[in-house]
Amino acid sequence: MAIWFWAAAGLGSIAMPIATKANKTVQRTKGAQSESQRVNSLLRFALNLERKAALEREAASFFAGASGDPRERRAFKRAGIAAWSRD
C-alpha cells in the first residue's frame, strides 16, 4: 500500500507518493495520529533540520572572513547583526 501525503501548494493542495523506506517507517510507528498526520510531522521535522543546517553553513561561511583579533571579530559580528536586522 502506498502512502500519499498532502501538501499545501499555492492555489490548492497536492498529493505525492512517499519513498518505500519512509512508508515502512510510518506504518511501523502507528499511533493516535493518522498516517498522513505522521508523514506531515516527519516532513516538517526534516525541513526544519535542513533549514537549520543551511543556516549553520551560511553563518560559518559569513564568519569565515573574520580575523582572529577579538576586537575585529566583535565589530564584524555587530555589523552582521545590524545587516540582518534590516532585512
PDB file of N, CA and C in Angstrom:
ATOM      1  N   MET A   1       0.845  -1.185   0.000  1.00  0.00           N
ATOM      2  CA  MET A   1       0.000   0.000   0.000  1.00  0.00           C
ATOM      3  C   MET A   1       0.882   1.237   0.000  1.00  0.00           C
ATOM      4  N   ALA A   2       0.657   2.137  -0.899  1.00  0.00           N
ATOM      5  CA  ALA A   2       1.433   3.375  -0.962  1.00  0.00           C
ATOM      6  C   ALA A   2       0.745   4.440  -0.120  1.00  0.00           C
ATOM      7  N   ILE A   3       1.539   5.184   0.580  1.00  0.00           N
ATOM      8  CA  ILE A   3       1.014   6.301   1.365  1.00  0.00           C
ATOM      9  C   ILE A   3       1.250   7.574   0.574  1.00  0.00           C
ATOM     10  N   TRP A   4       0.260   8.399   0.528  1.00  0.00           N
ATOM     11  CA  TRP A   4       0.365   9.687  -0.138  1.00  0.00           C
ATOM     12  C   TRP A   4       0.266  10.761   0.915  1.00  0.00           C
ATOM     13  N   PHE A   5       0.972  11.855   0.731  1.00  0.00           N
ATOM     14  CA  PHE A   5       0.819  12.963   1.659  1.00  0.00           C
ATOM     15  C   PHE A   5       0.303  14.164   0.888  1.00  0.00           C
ATOM     16  N   TRP A   6      -0.406  14.994   1.603  1.00  0.00           N
ATOM     17  CA  TRP A   6      -0.995  16.181   1.009  1.00  0.00           C
ATOM     18  C   TRP A   6      -0.227  17.390   1.513  1.00  0.00           C
ATOM     19  N   ALA A   7       0.097  18.297   0.619  1.00  0.00           N
ATOM     20  CA  ALA A   7       0.831  19.495   0.992  1.00  0.00           C
ATOM     21  C   ALA A   7       0.172  20.699   0.342  1.00  0.00           C
ATOM     22  N   ALA A   8       0.060  21.764   1.107  1.00  0.00           N
ATOM     23  CA  ALA A   8      -0.487  22.994   0.559  1.00  0.00           C
ATOM     24  C   ALA A   8       0.495  23.550  -0.451  1.00  0.00           C
ATOM     25  N   ALA A   9       0.003  23.925  -1.596  1.00  0.00           N
ATOM     26  CA  ALA A   9       0.880  24.444  -2.652  1.00  0.00           C
ATOM     27  C   ALA A   9       0.189  25.594  -3.370  1.00  0.00           C
ATOM     28  N   GLY A  10       0.349  26.763  -2.846  1.00  0.00           N
ATOM     29  CA  GLY A  10      -0.181  27.950  -3.510  1.00  0.00           C
ATOM     30  C   GLY A  10      -1.693  27.955  -3.608  1.00  0.00           C
ATOM     31  N   LEU A  11      -2.218  27.533  -4.750  1.00  0.00           N
ATOM     32  CA  LEU A  11      -3.646  27.622  -5.002  1.00  0.00           C
ATOM     33  C   LEU A  11      -4.447  26.470  -4.423  1.00  0.00           C
ATOM     34  N   GLY A  12      -3.808  25.397  -4.095  1.00  0.00           N
ATOM     35  CA  GLY A  12      -4.532  24.242  -3.586  1.00  0.00           C
ATOM     36  C   GLY A  12      -3.592  23.299  -2.888  1.00  0.00           C
ATOM     37  N   SER A  13      -3.922  22.040  -2.883  1.00  0.00           N
ATOM     38  CA  SER A  13      -3.029  21.064  -2.271  1.00  0.00           C
ATOM     39  C   SER A  13      -2.629  20.031  -3.313  1.00  0.00           C
ATOM     40  N   ILE A  14      -1.504  19.387  -3.066  1.00  0.00           N
ATOM     41  CA  ILE A  14      -1.007  18.384  -3.992  1.00  0.00           C
ATOM     42  C   ILE A  14      -0.788  17.078  -3.247  1.00  0.00           C
ATOM     43  N   ALA A  15      -0.853  15.986  -3.942  1.00  0.00           N
ATOM     44  CA  ALA A  15      -0.596  14.675  -3.354  1.00  0.00           C
ATOM     45  C   ALA A  15       0.642  14.100  -4.012  1.00  0.00           C
ATOM     46  N   MET A  16       1.513  13.518  -3.190  1.00  0.00           N
ATOM     47  CA  MET A  16       2.743  12.933  -3.707  1.00  0.00           C
ATOM     48  C   MET A  16       3.004  11.619  -2.986  1.00  0.00           C
ATOM     49  N   PRO A  17       3.487  10.605  -3.710  1.00  0.00           N
ATOM     50  CA  PRO A  17       3.825   9.354  -3.025  1.00  0.00           C
ATOM     51  C   PRO A  17       5.134   9.526  -2.254  1.00  0.00           C
ATOM     52  N   ILE A  18       5.253   8.864  -1.119  1.00  0.00           N
ATOM     53  CA  ILE A  18       6.499   8.937  -0.365  1.00  0.00           C
ATOM     54  C   ILE A  18       7.315   7.681  -0.611  1.00  0.00           C
ATOM     55  N   ALA A  19       8.603   7.745  -0.314  1.00  0.00           N
ATOM     56  CA  ALA A  19       9.517   6.637  -0.580  1.00  0.00           C
ATOM     57  C   ALA A  19       9.136   5.408   0.223  1.00  0.00           C
ATOM     58  N   THR A  20       9.522   4.250  -0.278  1.00  0.00           N
ATOM     59  CA  THR A  20       9.183   2.971   0.356  1.00  0.00           C
ATOM     60  C   THR A  20       9.714   2.884   1.779  1.00  0.00           C
ATOM     61  N   LYS A  21      10.962   3.339   1.994  1.00  0.00           N
ATOM     62  CA  LYS A  21      11.546   3.280   3.336  1.00  0.00           C
ATOM     63  C   LYS A  21      10.745   4.151   4.310  1.00  0.00           C
ATOM     64  N   ALA A  22      10.364   5.336   3.861  1.00  0.00           N
ATOM     65  CA  ALA A  22       9.561   6.216   4.706  1.00  0.00           C
ATOM     66  C   ALA A  22       8.184   5.609   4.942  1.00  0.00           C
ATOM     67  N   ASN A  23       7.640   4.972   3.922  1.00  0.00           N
ATOM     68  CA  ASN A  23       6.345   4.302   4.021  1.00  0.00           C
ATOM     69  C   ASN A  23       6.380   3.235   5.118  1.00  0.00           C
ATOM     70  N   LYS A  24       7.439   2.420   5.125  1.00  0.00           N
ATOM     71  CA  LYS A  24       7.569   1.369   6.140  1.00  0.00           C
ATOM     72  C   LYS A  24       7.727   1.964   7.535  1.00  0.00           C
ATOM     73  N   THR A  25       8.466   3.065   7.640  1.00  0.00           N
ATOM     74  CA  THR A  25       8.642   3.726   8.936  1.00  0.00           C
ATOM     75  C   THR A  25       7.318   4.249   9.460  1.00  0.00           C
ATOM     76  N   VAL A  26       6.533   4.850   8.594  1.00  0.00           N
ATOM     77  CA  VAL A  26       5.230   5.383   9.007  1.00  0.00           C
ATOM     78  C   VAL A  26       4.309   4.250   9.442  1.00  0.00           C
ATOM     79  N   GLN A  27       4.308   3.145   8.706  1.00  0.00           N
ATOM     80  CA  GLN A  27       3.457   2.017   9.079  1.00  0.00           C
ATOM     81  C   GLN A  27       3.904   1.388  10.393  1.00  0.00           C
ATOM     82  N   ARG A  28       5.218   1.390  10.632  1.00  0.00           N
ATOM     83  CA  ARG A  28       5.759   0.791  11.856  1.00  0.00           C
ATOM     84  C   ARG A  28       5.459   1.655  13.088  1.00  0.00           C
ATOM     85  N   THR A  29       5.296   2.934  12.921  1.00  0.00           N
ATOM     86  CA  THR A  29       5.117   3.856  14.048  1.00  0.00           C
ATOM     87  C   THR A  29       3.666   4.265  14.230  1.00  0.00           C
ATOM     88  N   LYS A  30       2.775   3.321  14.070  1.00  0.00           N
ATOM     89  CA  LYS A  30       1.354   3.632  14.217  1.00  0.00           C
ATOM     90  C   LYS A  30       1.074   4.168  15.616  1.00  0.00           C
ATOM     91  N   GLY A  31       0.175   5.129  15.678  1.00  0.00           N
ATOM     92  CA  GLY A  31      -0.194   5.736  16.950  1.00  0.00           C
ATOM     93  C   GLY A  31      -1.567   6.358  16.834  1.00  0.00           C
ATOM     94  N   ALA A  32      -1.804   7.370  17.653  1.00  0.00           N
ATOM     95  CA  ALA A  32      -3.104   8.032  17.674  1.00  0.00           C
ATOM     96  C   ALA A  32      -3.326   8.884  16.424  1.00  0.00           C
ATOM     97  N   GLN A  33      -2.242   9.399  15.840  1.00  0.00           N
ATOM     98  CA  GLN A  33      -2.374  10.235  14.646  1.00  0.00           C
ATOM     99  C   GLN A  33      -2.605   9.369  13.410  1.00  0.00           C
ATOM    100  N   SER A  34      -3.236   9.971  12.413  1.00  0.00           N
ATOM    101  CA  SER A  34      -3.414   9.261  11.148  1.00  0.00           C
ATOM    102  C   SER A  34      -2.068   9.181  10.433  1.00  0.00           C
ATOM    103  N   GLU A  35      -2.003   8.330   9.412  1.00  0.00           N
ATOM    104  CA  GLU A  35      -0.757   8.182   8.656  1.00  0.00           C
ATOM    105  C   GLU A  35      -0.347   9.501   8.010  1.00  0.00           C
ATOM    106  N   SER A  36      -1.302  10.206   7.431  1.00  0.00           N
ATOM    107  CA  SER A  36      -0.957  11.464   6.770  1.00  0.00           C
ATOM    108  C   SER A  36      -0.462  12.499   7.771  1.00  0.00           C
ATOM    109  N   GLN A  37      -1.033  12.524   8.980  1.00  0.00           N
ATOM    110  CA  GLN A  37      -0.555  13.443  10.006  1.00  0.00           C
ATOM    111  C   GLN A  37       0.874  13.101  10.420  1.00  0.00           C
ATOM    112  N   ARG A  38       1.186  11.813  10.561  1.00  0.00           N
ATOM    113  CA  ARG A  38       2.540  11.400  10.937  1.00  0.00           C
ATOM    114  C   ARG A  38       3.530  11.729   9.833  1.00  0.00           C
ATOM    115  N   VAL A  39       3.132  11.501   8.574  1.00  0.00           N
ATOM    116  CA  VAL A  39       4.002  11.823   7.439  1.00  0.00           C
ATOM    117  C   VAL A  39       4.279  13.321   7.411  1.00  0.00           C
ATOM    118  N   ASN A  40       3.251  14.125   7.556  1.00  0.00           N
ATOM    119  CA  ASN A  40       3.434  15.575   7.534  1.00  0.00           C
ATOM    120  C   ASN A  40       4.297  16.040   8.703  1.00  0.00           C
ATOM    121  N   SER A  41       4.155  15.430   9.871  1.00  0.00           N
ATOM    122  CA  SER A  41       5.006  15.771  11.011  1.00  0.00           C
ATOM    123  C   SER A  41       6.459  15.435  10.720  1.00  0.00           C
ATOM    124  N   LEU A  42       6.698  14.265  10.141  1.00  0.00           N
ATOM    125  CA  LEU A  42       8.063  13.871   9.780  1.00  0.00           C
ATOM    126  C   LEU A  42       8.648  14.814   8.732  1.00  0.00           C
ATOM    127  N   LEU A  43       7.848  15.206   7.770  1.00  0.00           N
ATOM    128  CA  LEU A  43       8.328  16.122   6.732  1.00  0.00           C
ATOM    129  C   LEU A  43       8.654  17.489   7.316  1.00  0.00           C
ATOM    130  N   ARG A  44       7.801  17.987   8.216  1.00  0.00           N
ATOM    131  CA  ARG A  44       8.084  19.267   8.875  1.00  0.00           C
ATOM    132  C   ARG A  44       9.388  19.191   9.654  1.00  0.00           C
ATOM    133  N   PHE A  45       9.583  18.089  10.376  1.00  0.00           N
ATOM    134  CA  PHE A  45      10.796  17.892  11.159  1.00  0.00           C
ATOM    135  C   PHE A  45      12.026  17.890  10.246  1.00  0.00           C
ATOM    136  N   ALA A  46      11.935  17.162   9.134  1.00  0.00           N
ATOM    137  CA  ALA A  46      13.057  17.089   8.197  1.00  0.00           C
ATOM    138  C   ALA A  46      13.349  18.448   7.568  1.00  0.00           C
ATOM    139  N   LEU A  47      12.310  19.183   7.221  1.00  0.00           N
ATOM    140  CA  LEU A  47      12.512  20.509   6.644  1.00  0.00           C
ATOM    141  C   LEU A  47      13.153  21.462   7.646  1.00  0.00           C
ATOM    142  N   ASN A  48      12.749  21.371   8.918  1.00  0.00           N
ATOM    143  CA  ASN A  48      13.360  22.212   9.951  1.00  0.00           C
ATOM    144  C   ASN A  48      14.829  21.858  10.138  1.00  0.00           C
ATOM    145  N   LEU A  49      15.156  20.565  10.143  1.00  0.00           N
ATOM    146  CA  LEU A  49      16.559  20.154  10.252  1.00  0.00           C
ATOM    147  C   LEU A  49      17.375  20.690   9.079  1.00  0.00           C
ATOM    148  N   GLU A  50      16.810  20.586   7.895  1.00  0.00           N
ATOM    149  CA  GLU A  50      17.505  21.062   6.699  1.00  0.00           C
ATOM    150  C   GLU A  50      17.704  22.571   6.750  1.00  0.00           C
ATOM    151  N   ARG A  51      16.695  23.300   7.216  1.00  0.00           N
ATOM    152  CA  ARG A  51      16.783  24.755   7.322  1.00  0.00           C
ATOM    153  C   ARG A  51      17.862  25.159   8.331  1.00  0.00           C
ATOM    154  N   LYS A  52      17.895  24.472   9.488  1.00  0.00           N
ATOM    155  CA  LYS A  52      18.911  24.776  10.497  1.00  0.00           C
ATOM    156  C   LYS A  52      20.313  24.494   9.986  1.00  0.00           C
ATOM    157  N   ALA A  53      20.490  23.390   9.278  1.00  0.00           N
ATOM    158  CA  ALA A  53      21.804  23.055   8.723  1.00  0.00           C
ATOM    159  C   ALA A  53      22.242  24.108   7.706  1.00  0.00           C
ATOM    160  N   ALA A  54      21.313  24.570   6.888  1.00  0.00           N
ATOM    161  CA  ALA A  54      21.641  25.601   5.898  1.00  0.00           C
ATOM    162  C   ALA A  54      22.030  26.905   6.583  1.00  0.00           C
ATOM    163  N   LEU A  55      21.321  27.260   7.657  1.00  0.00           N
ATOM    164  CA  LEU A  55      21.663  28.476   8.404  1.00  0.00           C
ATOM    165  C   LEU A  55      23.034  28.361   9.054  1.00  0.00           C
ATOM    166  N   GLU A  56      23.355  27.181   9.582  1.00  0.00           N
ATOM    167  CA  GLU A  56      24.676  26.983  10.176  1.00  0.00           C
ATOM    168  C   GLU A  56      25.773  27.105   9.126  1.00  0.00           C
ATOM    169  N   ARG A  57      25.548  26.539   7.948  1.00  0.00           N
ATOM    170  CA  ARG A  57      26.537  26.655   6.865  1.00  0.00           C
ATOM    171  C   ARG A  57      26.703  28.114   6.440  1.00  0.00           C
ATOM    172  N   GLU A  58      25.588  28.827   6.359  1.00  0.00           N
ATOM    173  CA  GLU A  58      25.638  30.232   5.968  1.00  0.00           C
ATOM    174  C   GLU A  58      26.388  31.061   7.003  1.00  0.00           C
ATOM    175  N   ALA A  59      26.118  30.812   8.282  1.00  0.00           N
ATOM    176  CA  ALA A  59      26.811  31.535   9.342  1.00  0.00           C
ATOM    177  C   ALA A  59      28.298  31.223   9.334  1.00  0.00           C
ATOM    178  N   ALA A  60      28.645  29.964   9.123  1.00  0.00           N
ATOM    179  CA  ALA A  60      30.057  29.580   9.087  1.00  0.00           C
ATOM    180  C   ALA A  60      30.783  30.271   7.938  1.00  0.00           C
ATOM    181  N   SER A  61      30.154  30.331   6.776  1.00  0.00           N
ATOM    182  CA  SER A  61      30.806  30.995   5.648  1.00  0.00           C
ATOM    183  C   SER A  61      30.886  32.503   5.870  1.00  0.00           C
ATOM    184  N   PHE A  62      29.877  33.072   6.519  1.00  0.00           N
ATOM    185  CA  PHE A  62      29.873  34.510   6.801  1.00  0.00           C
ATOM    186  C   PHE A  62      31.003  34.870   7.756  1.00  0.00           C
ATOM    187  N   PHE A  63      31.151  34.097   8.835  1.00  0.00           N
ATOM    188  CA  PHE A  63      32.157  34.414   9.839  1.00  0.00           C
ATOM    189  C   PHE A  63      33.546  33.892   9.483  1.00  0.00           C
ATOM    190  N   ALA A  64      33.666  33.148   8.400  1.00  0.00           N
ATOM    191  CA  ALA A  64      34.979  32.652   7.979  1.00  0.00           C
ATOM    192  C   ALA A  64      35.899  33.799   7.585  1.00  0.00           C
ATOM    193  N   GLY A  65      35.315  34.902   7.158  1.00  0.00           N
ATOM    194  CA  GLY A  65      36.110  36.063   6.763  1.00  0.00           C
ATOM    195  C   GLY A  65      36.600  36.894   7.934  1.00  0.00           C
ATOM    196  N   ALA A  66      36.125  36.611   9.130  1.00  0.00           N
ATOM    197  CA  ALA A  66      36.532  37.392  10.308  1.00  0.00           C
ATOM    198  C   ALA A  66      37.959  37.012  10.702  1.00  0.00           C
ATOM    199  N   SER A  67      38.696  38.011  11.156  1.00  0.00           N
ATOM    200  CA  SER A  67      40.084  37.741  11.563  1.00  0.00           C
ATOM    201  C   SER A  67      40.114  37.154  12.974  1.00  0.00           C
ATOM    202  N   GLY A  68      41.309  36.822  13.442  1.00  0.00           N
ATOM    203  CA  GLY A  68      41.475  36.249  14.776  1.00  0.00           C
ATOM    204  C   GLY A  68      41.481  37.284  15.882  1.00  0.00           C
ATOM    205  N   ASP A  69      41.585  38.568  15.543  1.00  0.00           N
ATOM    206  CA  ASP A  69      41.604  39.627  16.551  1.00  0.00           C
ATOM    207  C   ASP A  69      40.214  39.753  17.181  1.00  0.00           C
ATOM    208  N   PRO A  70      40.102  39.632  18.522  1.00  0.00           N
ATOM    209  CA  PRO A  70      38.780  39.683  19.173  1.00  0.00           C
ATOM    210  C   PRO A  70      38.017  40.981  18.899  1.00  0.00           C
ATOM    211  N   ARG A  71      38.715  42.103  18.848  1.00  0.00           N
ATOM    212  CA  ARG A  71      38.016  43.387  18.602  1.00  0.00           C
ATOM    213  C   ARG A  71      37.440  43.411  17.186  1.00  0.00           C
ATOM    214  N   GLU A  72      38.216  42.947  16.225  1.00  0.00           N
ATOM    215  CA  GLU A  72      37.715  42.906  14.848  1.00  0.00           C
ATOM    216  C   GLU A  72      36.572  41.912  14.710  1.00  0.00           C
ATOM    217  N   ARG A  73      36.683  40.792  15.405  1.00  0.00           N
ATOM    218  CA  ARG A  73      35.636  39.779  15.351  1.00  0.00           C
ATOM    219  C   ARG A  73      34.320  40.327  15.907  1.00  0.00           C
ATOM    220  N   ARG A  74      34.385  41.033  17.055  1.00  0.00           N
ATOM    221  CA  ARG A  74      33.169  41.632  17.636  1.00  0.00           C
ATOM    222  C   ARG A  74      32.564  42.664  16.687  1.00  0.00           C
ATOM    223  N   ALA A  75      33.401  43.499  16.095  1.00  0.00           N
ATOM    224  CA  ALA A  75      32.908  44.508  15.152  1.00  0.00           C
ATOM    225  C   ALA A  75      32.263  43.844  13.939  1.00  0.00           C
ATOM    226  N   PHE A  76      32.860  42.769  13.469  1.00  0.00           N
ATOM    227  CA  PHE A  76      32.319  42.030  12.332  1.00  0.00           C
ATOM    228  C   PHE A  76      30.958  41.447  12.681  1.00  0.00           C
ATOM    229  N   LYS A  77      30.830  40.866  13.876  1.00  0.00           N
ATOM    230  CA  LYS A  77      29.551  40.292  14.314  1.00  0.00           C
ATOM    231  C   LYS A  77      28.490  41.373  14.440  1.00  0.00           C
ATOM    232  N   ARG A  78      28.851  42.506  15.033  1.00  0.00           N
ATOM    233  CA  ARG A  78      27.880  43.606  15.172  1.00  0.00           C
ATOM    234  C   ARG A  78      27.395  44.087  13.806  1.00  0.00           C
ATOM    235  N   ALA A  79      28.322  44.216  12.873  1.00  0.00           N
ATOM    236  CA  ALA A  79      27.940  44.650  11.523  1.00  0.00           C
ATOM    237  C   ALA A  79      27.009  43.632  10.873  1.00  0.00           C
ATOM    238  N   GLY A  80      27.297  42.359  11.077  1.00  0.00           N
ATOM    239  CA  GLY A  80      26.433  41.325  10.515  1.00  0.00           C
ATOM    240  C   GLY A  80      25.041  41.345  11.114  1.00  0.00           C
ATOM    241  N   ILE A  81      24.972  41.512  12.443  1.00  0.00           N
ATOM    242  CA  ILE A  81      23.672  41.564  13.125  1.00  0.00           C
ATOM    243  C   ILE A  81      22.881  42.773  12.650  1.00  0.00           C
ATOM    244  N   ALA A  82      23.556  43.905  12.508  1.00  0.00           N
ATOM    245  CA  ALA A  82      22.877  45.109  12.034  1.00  0.00           C
ATOM    246  C   ALA A  82      22.335  44.899  10.614  1.00  0.00           C
ATOM    247  N   ALA A  83      23.115  44.232   9.777  1.00  0.00           N
ATOM    248  CA  ALA A  83      22.667  43.972   8.405  1.00  0.00           C
ATOM    249  C   ALA A  83      21.476  43.022   8.393  1.00  0.00           C
ATOM    250  N   TRP A  84      21.522  41.995   9.231  1.00  0.00           N
ATOM    251  CA  TRP A  84      20.416  41.045   9.281  1.00  0.00           C
ATOM    252  C   TRP A  84      19.150  41.677   9.824  1.00  0.00           C
ATOM    253  N   SER A  85      19.275  42.580  10.780  1.00  0.00           N
ATOM    254  CA  SER A  85      18.082  43.178  11.389  1.00  0.00           C
ATOM    255  C   SER A  85      17.373  44.102  10.407  1.00  0.00           C
ATOM    256  N   ARG A  86      18.074  44.578   9.388  1.00  0.00           N
ATOM    257  CA  ARG A  86      17.444  45.431   8.370  1.00  0.00           C
ATOM    258  C   ARG A  86      16.555  44.631   7.432  1.00  0.00           C
ATOM    259  N   ASP A  87      16.807  43.358   7.295  1.00  0.00           N
ATOM    260  CA  ASP A  87      16.036  42.518   6.351  1.00  0.00           C
ATOM    261  C   ASP A  87      14.656  42.243   6.818  1.00  0.00           C
TER     262      ASP A  87
END
